[in-house]
Amino acid sequence: MAFEPRIVGFFCHYCALAAQDVAGKARMNFPANIREVRVLCTGKVDLLYILKALEKGADGVLIMGCKMGDCYFRTGNEMASNRVRHAKRILESIGFEKERVEMYEVPGPMGKRFAEIVTEMVEKIRALGPSPVRKALDTISSEPKNLPPLRGSAHRDHMVA
């Protein structure tokens, strides 16, 4: 079975989603590998959201927002860009490919550019292969389901007699 990337996409309401809408209405083709998270502004995308997506098994994270200097909330995309740079440094320091996290600017009416970005990101992640976390999670989830329950959990409702 061929590897199909799982990518989490954080999309700005004002630009990226508008571009996605234009692409959809124009019936442009682009891969469906992106799990979309709509945000009012890319400035709301915290570093922890990026890292948590990768921790939960995403092969990549795509952030799409307004052009620099044209953010609806003034500096939101600049804050997001700084967080993406920081996430890339963290990924490199732990041995991940920094290309797994990318941020792109896409003006609202640019449906064609939206489709190109999504296609480019999917191809980039496909070339990198599954993330190390996804490989580990797939290995764990393929273990037998009839393992004995854990005992002595911290919460009494989870205690097994």
C-alpha atoms as a PDB file:
ATOM      1  CA  MET A   1       0.000   0.000   0.000  1.00  0.00           C
ATOM      2  CA  ALA A   2       1.413   3.390  -1.016  1.00  0.00           C
ATOM      3  CA  PHE A   3       2.118   5.969   1.643  1.00  0.00           C
ATOM      4  CA  GLU A   4      -0.459   8.741   1.806  1.00  0.00           C
ATOM      5  CA  PRO A   5       0.582  11.708   3.940  1.00  0.00           C
ATOM      6  CA  ARG A   6      -1.568  13.005   6.778  1.00  0.00           C
ATOM      7  CA  ILE A   7      -1.164  16.765   6.943  1.00  0.00           C
ATOM      8  CA  VAL A   8      -2.787  19.185   9.364  1.00  0.00           C
ATOM      9  CA  GLY A   9      -3.533  22.529   7.741  1.00  0.00           C
ATOM     10  CA  PHE A  10      -4.147  25.671   9.770  1.00  0.00           C
ATOM     11  CA  PHE A  11      -5.971  28.032   7.410  1.00  0.00           C
ATOM     12  CA  CYS A  12      -6.584  31.754   7.887  1.00  0.00           C
ATOM     13  CA  HIS A  13     -10.263  32.627   7.639  1.00  0.00           C
ATOM     14  CA  TYR A  14      -9.693  35.752   5.574  1.00  0.00           C
ATOM     15  CA  CYS A  15      -7.207  34.570   2.960  1.00  0.00           C
ATOM     16  CA  ALA A  16      -6.562  30.836   2.866  1.00  0.00           C
ATOM     17  CA  LEU A  17     -10.194  29.810   3.206  1.00  0.00           C
ATOM     18  CA  ALA A  18     -11.204  32.374   0.593  1.00  0.00           C
ATOM     19  CA  ALA A  19      -8.572  30.949  -1.772  1.00  0.00           C
ATOM     20  CA  GLN A  20      -9.780  27.415  -0.993  1.00  0.00           C
ATOM     21  CA  ASP A  21     -13.322  28.500  -1.814  1.00  0.00           C
ATOM     22  CA  VAL A  22     -12.200  29.979  -5.148  1.00  0.00           C
ATOM     23  CA  ALA A  23     -10.298  26.768  -5.961  1.00  0.00           C
ATOM     24  CA  GLY A  24     -13.326  24.656  -5.114  1.00  0.00           C
ATOM     25  CA  LYS A  25     -15.763  26.753  -7.130  1.00  0.00           C
ATOM     26  CA  ALA A  26     -13.394  26.644 -10.103  1.00  0.00           C
ATOM     27  CA  ARG A  27     -13.232  22.845  -9.712  1.00  0.00           C
ATOM     28  CA  MET A  28      -9.439  22.883  -9.442  1.00  0.00           C
ATOM     29  CA  ASN A  29      -7.851  19.586  -8.523  1.00  0.00           C
ATOM     30  CA  PHE A  30      -5.718  19.273  -5.410  1.00  0.00           C
ATOM     31  CA  PRO A  31      -5.015  16.400  -3.004  1.00  0.00           C
ATOM     32  CA  ALA A  32      -7.401  15.711  -0.129  1.00  0.00           C
ATOM     33  CA  ASN A  33      -4.621  14.868   2.333  1.00  0.00           C
ATOM     34  CA  ILE A  34      -5.055  18.033   4.399  1.00  0.00           C
ATOM     35  CA  ARG A  35      -7.030  17.929   7.636  1.00  0.00           C
ATOM     36  CA  GLU A  36      -8.236  21.502   7.801  1.00  0.00           C
ATOM     37  CA  VAL A  37      -8.268  23.585  10.983  1.00  0.00           C
ATOM     38  CA  ARG A  38      -9.907  26.950  10.452  1.00  0.00           C
ATOM     39  CA  VAL A  39      -8.440  29.817  12.434  1.00  0.00           C
ATOM     40  CA  LEU A  40      -9.499  33.445  12.477  1.00  0.00           C
ATOM     41  CA  CYS A  41      -5.860  34.409  11.997  1.00  0.00           C
ATOM     42  CA  THR A  42      -2.641  32.411  11.660  1.00  0.00           C
ATOM     43  CA  GLY A  43      -1.416  34.472  14.621  1.00  0.00           C
ATOM     44  CA  LYS A  44      -3.682  32.235  16.723  1.00  0.00           C
ATOM     45  CA  VAL A  45      -1.674  29.131  15.768  1.00  0.00           C
ATOM     46  CA  ASP A  46       0.417  28.430  18.841  1.00  0.00           C
ATOM     47  CA  LEU A  47       3.711  26.558  18.722  1.00  0.00           C
ATOM     48  CA  LEU A  48       2.115  23.838  20.844  1.00  0.00           C
ATOM     49  CA  TYR A  49      -0.614  23.264  18.220  1.00  0.00           C
ATOM     50  CA  ILE A  50       2.049  22.636  15.592  1.00  0.00           C
ATOM     51  CA  LEU A  51       4.011  20.244  17.799  1.00  0.00           C
ATOM     52  CA  LYS A  52       0.864  18.507  19.093  1.00  0.00           C
ATOM     53  CA  ALA A  53      -0.268  17.789  15.523  1.00  0.00           C
ATOM     54  CA  LEU A  54       3.051  16.046  14.862  1.00  0.00           C
ATOM     55  CA  GLU A  55       2.905  14.251  18.223  1.00  0.00           C
ATOM     56  CA  LYS A  56      -0.535  12.869  17.344  1.00  0.00           C
ATOM     57  CA  GLY A  57       0.802  11.359  14.118  1.00  0.00           C
ATOM     58  CA  ALA A  58       0.540  14.029  11.426  1.00  0.00           C
ATOM     59  CA  ASP A  59       3.254  13.698   8.807  1.00  0.00           C
ATOM     60  CA  GLY A  60       3.336  17.442   8.255  1.00  0.00           C
ATOM     61  CA  VAL A  61       1.800  20.765   9.236  1.00  0.00           C
ATOM     62  CA  LEU A  62       0.791  23.409   6.707  1.00  0.00           C
ATOM     63  CA  ILE A  63      -0.048  26.954   7.753  1.00  0.00           C
ATOM     64  CA  MET A  64      -1.604  29.288   5.186  1.00  0.00           C
ATOM     65  CA  GLY A  65      -2.364  32.916   5.794  1.00  0.00           C
ATOM     66  CA  CYS A  66      -2.378  36.429   4.444  1.00  0.00           C
ATOM     67  CA  LYS A  67       0.567  38.047   2.692  1.00  0.00           C
ATOM     68  CA  MET A  68       3.079  39.626   5.060  1.00  0.00           C
ATOM     69  CA  GLY A  69       2.015  43.178   5.759  1.00  0.00           C
ATOM     70  CA  ASP A  70      -1.598  42.512   4.693  1.00  0.00           C
ATOM     71  CA  CYS A  71      -2.814  40.610   7.748  1.00  0.00           C
ATOM     72  CA  TYR A  72      -6.362  41.466   8.759  1.00  0.00           C
ATOM     73  CA  PHE A  73      -5.105  41.540  12.363  1.00  0.00           C
ATOM     74  CA  ARG A  74      -1.952  43.555  11.486  1.00  0.00           C
ATOM     75  CA  THR A  75       0.867  41.280  12.709  1.00  0.00           C
ATOM     76  CA  GLY A  76      -0.782  37.889  13.122  1.00  0.00           C
ATOM     77  CA  ASN A  77       1.001  36.279  10.196  1.00  0.00           C
ATOM     78  CA  GLU A  78       4.341  37.667  11.411  1.00  0.00           C
ATOM     79  CA  MET A  79       3.786  36.018  14.800  1.00  0.00           C
ATOM     80  CA  ALA A  80       2.875  32.761  13.055  1.00  0.00           C
ATOM     81  CA  SER A  81       5.987  32.966  10.894  1.00  0.00           C
ATOM     82  CA  ASN A  82       8.152  33.351  14.000  1.00  0.00           C
ATOM     83  CA  ARG A  83       6.455  30.327  15.584  1.00  0.00           C
ATOM     84  CA  VAL A  84       7.024  28.256  12.455  1.00  0.00           C
ATOM     85  CA  ARG A  85      10.723  29.153  12.477  1.00  0.00           C
ATOM     86  CA  HIS A  86      10.906  28.135  16.132  1.00  0.00           C
ATOM     87  CA  ALA A  87       9.071  24.847  15.419  1.00  0.00           C
ATOM     88  CA  LYS A  88      11.555  24.082  12.631  1.00  0.00           C
ATOM     89  CA  ARG A  89      14.480  24.638  15.012  1.00  0.00           C
ATOM     90  CA  ILE A  90      12.889  22.298  17.551  1.00  0.00           C
ATOM     91  CA  LEU A  91      12.262  19.632  14.917  1.00  0.00           C
ATOM     92  CA  GLU A  92      15.862  19.807  13.708  1.00  0.00           C
ATOM     93  CA  SER A  93      17.174  19.536  17.264  1.00  0.00           C
ATOM     94  CA  ILE A  94      15.278  16.270  17.801  1.00  0.00           C
ATOM     95  CA  GLY A  95      16.186  14.763  14.452  1.00  0.00           C
ATOM     96  CA  PHE A  96      13.042  15.472  12.413  1.00  0.00           C
ATOM     97  CA  GLU A  97      13.070  17.043   8.980  1.00  0.00           C
ATOM     98  CA  LYS A  98      12.247  20.739   9.339  1.00  0.00           C
ATOM     99  CA  GLU A  99      10.384  20.588   6.014  1.00  0.00           C
ATOM    100  CA  ARG A 100       7.517  18.839   7.794  1.00  0.00           C
ATOM    101  CA  VAL A 101       6.295  22.275   8.899  1.00  0.00           C
ATOM    102  CA  GLU A 102       5.719  25.011   6.322  1.00  0.00           C
ATOM    103  CA  MET A 103       3.978  28.362   6.157  1.00  0.00           C
ATOM    104  CA  TYR A 104       2.751  29.948   2.948  1.00  0.00           C
ATOM    105  CA  GLU A 105       1.142  33.252   2.048  1.00  0.00           C
ATOM    106  CA  VAL A 106      -1.890  33.093  -0.207  1.00  0.00           C
ATOM    107  CA  PRO A 107      -4.056  36.083  -1.152  1.00  0.00           C
ATOM    108  CA  GLY A 108      -7.801  35.453  -0.918  1.00  0.00           C
ATOM    109  CA  PRO A 109      -8.726  35.318  -4.615  1.00  0.00           C
ATOM    110  CA  MET A 110      -5.799  33.053  -5.568  1.00  0.00           C
ATOM    111  CA  GLY A 111      -7.476  29.667  -5.862  1.00  0.00           C
ATOM    112  CA  LYS A 112      -4.864  28.396  -8.296  1.00  0.00           C
ATOM    113  CA  ARG A 113      -2.069  29.278  -5.857  1.00  0.00           C
ATOM    114  CA  PHE A 114      -3.939  27.481  -3.058  1.00  0.00           C
ATOM    115  CA  ALA A 115      -4.148  24.297  -5.146  1.00  0.00           C
ATOM    116  CA  GLU A 116      -0.443  24.565  -6.030  1.00  0.00           C
ATOM    117  CA  ILE A 117       0.578  24.972  -2.377  1.00  0.00           C
ATOM    118  CA  VAL A 118      -1.471  21.987  -1.218  1.00  0.00           C
ATOM    119  CA  THR A 119      -0.113  19.825  -4.044  1.00  0.00           C
ATOM    120  CA  GLU A 120       3.458  20.948  -3.337  1.00  0.00           C
ATOM    121  CA  MET A 121       3.145  20.211   0.398  1.00  0.00           C
ATOM    122  CA  VAL A 122       1.642  16.765  -0.166  1.00  0.00           C
ATOM    123  CA  GLU A 123       4.410  15.859  -2.643  1.00  0.00           C
ATOM    124  CA  LYS A 124       7.090  17.162  -0.256  1.00  0.00           C
ATOM    125  CA  ILE A 125       5.761  15.072   2.643  1.00  0.00           C
ATOM    126  CA  ARG A 126       5.261  12.053   0.389  1.00  0.00           C
ATOM    127  CA  ALA A 127       8.957  12.293  -0.549  1.00  0.00           C
ATOM    128  CA  LEU A 128       9.964  12.539   3.136  1.00  0.00           C
ATOM    129  CA  GLY A 129       7.849   9.516   4.053  1.00  0.00           C
ATOM    130  CA  PRO A 130       5.864   8.907   7.232  1.00  0.00           C
ATOM    131  CA  SER A 131       6.898  10.871  10.295  1.00  0.00           C
ATOM    132  CA  PRO A 132       8.840   8.907  12.924  1.00  0.00           C
ATOM    133  CA  VAL A 133       5.981   9.472  15.362  1.00  0.00           C
ATOM    134  CA  ARG A 134       3.429   8.068  12.915  1.00  0.00           C
ATOM    135  CA  LYS A 135       5.603   4.992  12.375  1.00  0.00           C
ATOM    136  CA  ALA A 136       5.793   4.454  16.143  1.00  0.00           C
ATOM    137  CA  LEU A 137       2.041   4.992  16.607  1.00  0.00           C
ATOM    138  CA  ASP A 138       1.247   2.578  13.770  1.00  0.00           C
ATOM    139  CA  THR A 139       3.506  -0.029  15.393  1.00  0.00           C
ATOM    140  CA  ILE A 140       1.862   0.421  18.785  1.00  0.00           C
ATOM    141  CA  SER A 141      -1.660   0.294  17.368  1.00  0.00           C
ATOM    142  CA  SER A 142      -0.874  -2.950  15.535  1.00  0.00           C
ATOM    143  CA  GLU A 143      -0.131  -4.755  18.808  1.00  0.00           C
ATOM    144  CA  PRO A 144      -2.737  -7.213  20.124  1.00  0.00           C
ATOM    145  CA  LYS A 145      -5.878  -5.635  21.534  1.00  0.00           C
ATOM    146  CA  ASN A 146      -6.305  -8.284  24.260  1.00  0.00           C
ATOM    147  CA  LEU A 147      -3.583  -6.925  26.535  1.00  0.00           C
ATOM    148  CA  PRO A 148      -4.448  -6.969  30.255  1.00  0.00           C
ATOM    149  CA  PRO A 149      -5.724  -3.664  31.629  1.00  0.00           C
ATOM    150  CA  LEU A 150      -3.382  -1.337  33.456  1.00  0.00           C
ATOM    151  CA  ARG A 151      -3.835  -1.281  37.225  1.00  0.00           C
ATOM    152  CA  GLY A 152      -3.506   1.536  39.694  1.00  0.00           C
ATOM    153  CA  SER A 153      -4.336   4.515  37.525  1.00  0.00           C
ATOM    154  CA  ALA A 154      -4.244   7.890  39.263  1.00  0.00           C
ATOM    155  CA  HIS A 155      -7.981   8.440  38.994  1.00  0.00           C
ATOM    156  CA  ARG A 156     -10.302   6.167  40.967  1.00  0.00           C
ATOM    157  CA  ASP A 157     -12.773   5.828  38.060  1.00  0.00           C
ATOM    158  CA  HIS A 158      -9.979   4.238  36.021  1.00  0.00           C
ATOM    159  CA  MET A 159      -8.921   1.748  38.707  1.00  0.00           C
ATOM    160  CA  VAL A 160      -9.358  -1.902  37.802  1.00  0.00           C
ATOM    161  CA  ALA A 161     -10.451  -4.246  40.583  1.00  0.00           C
END
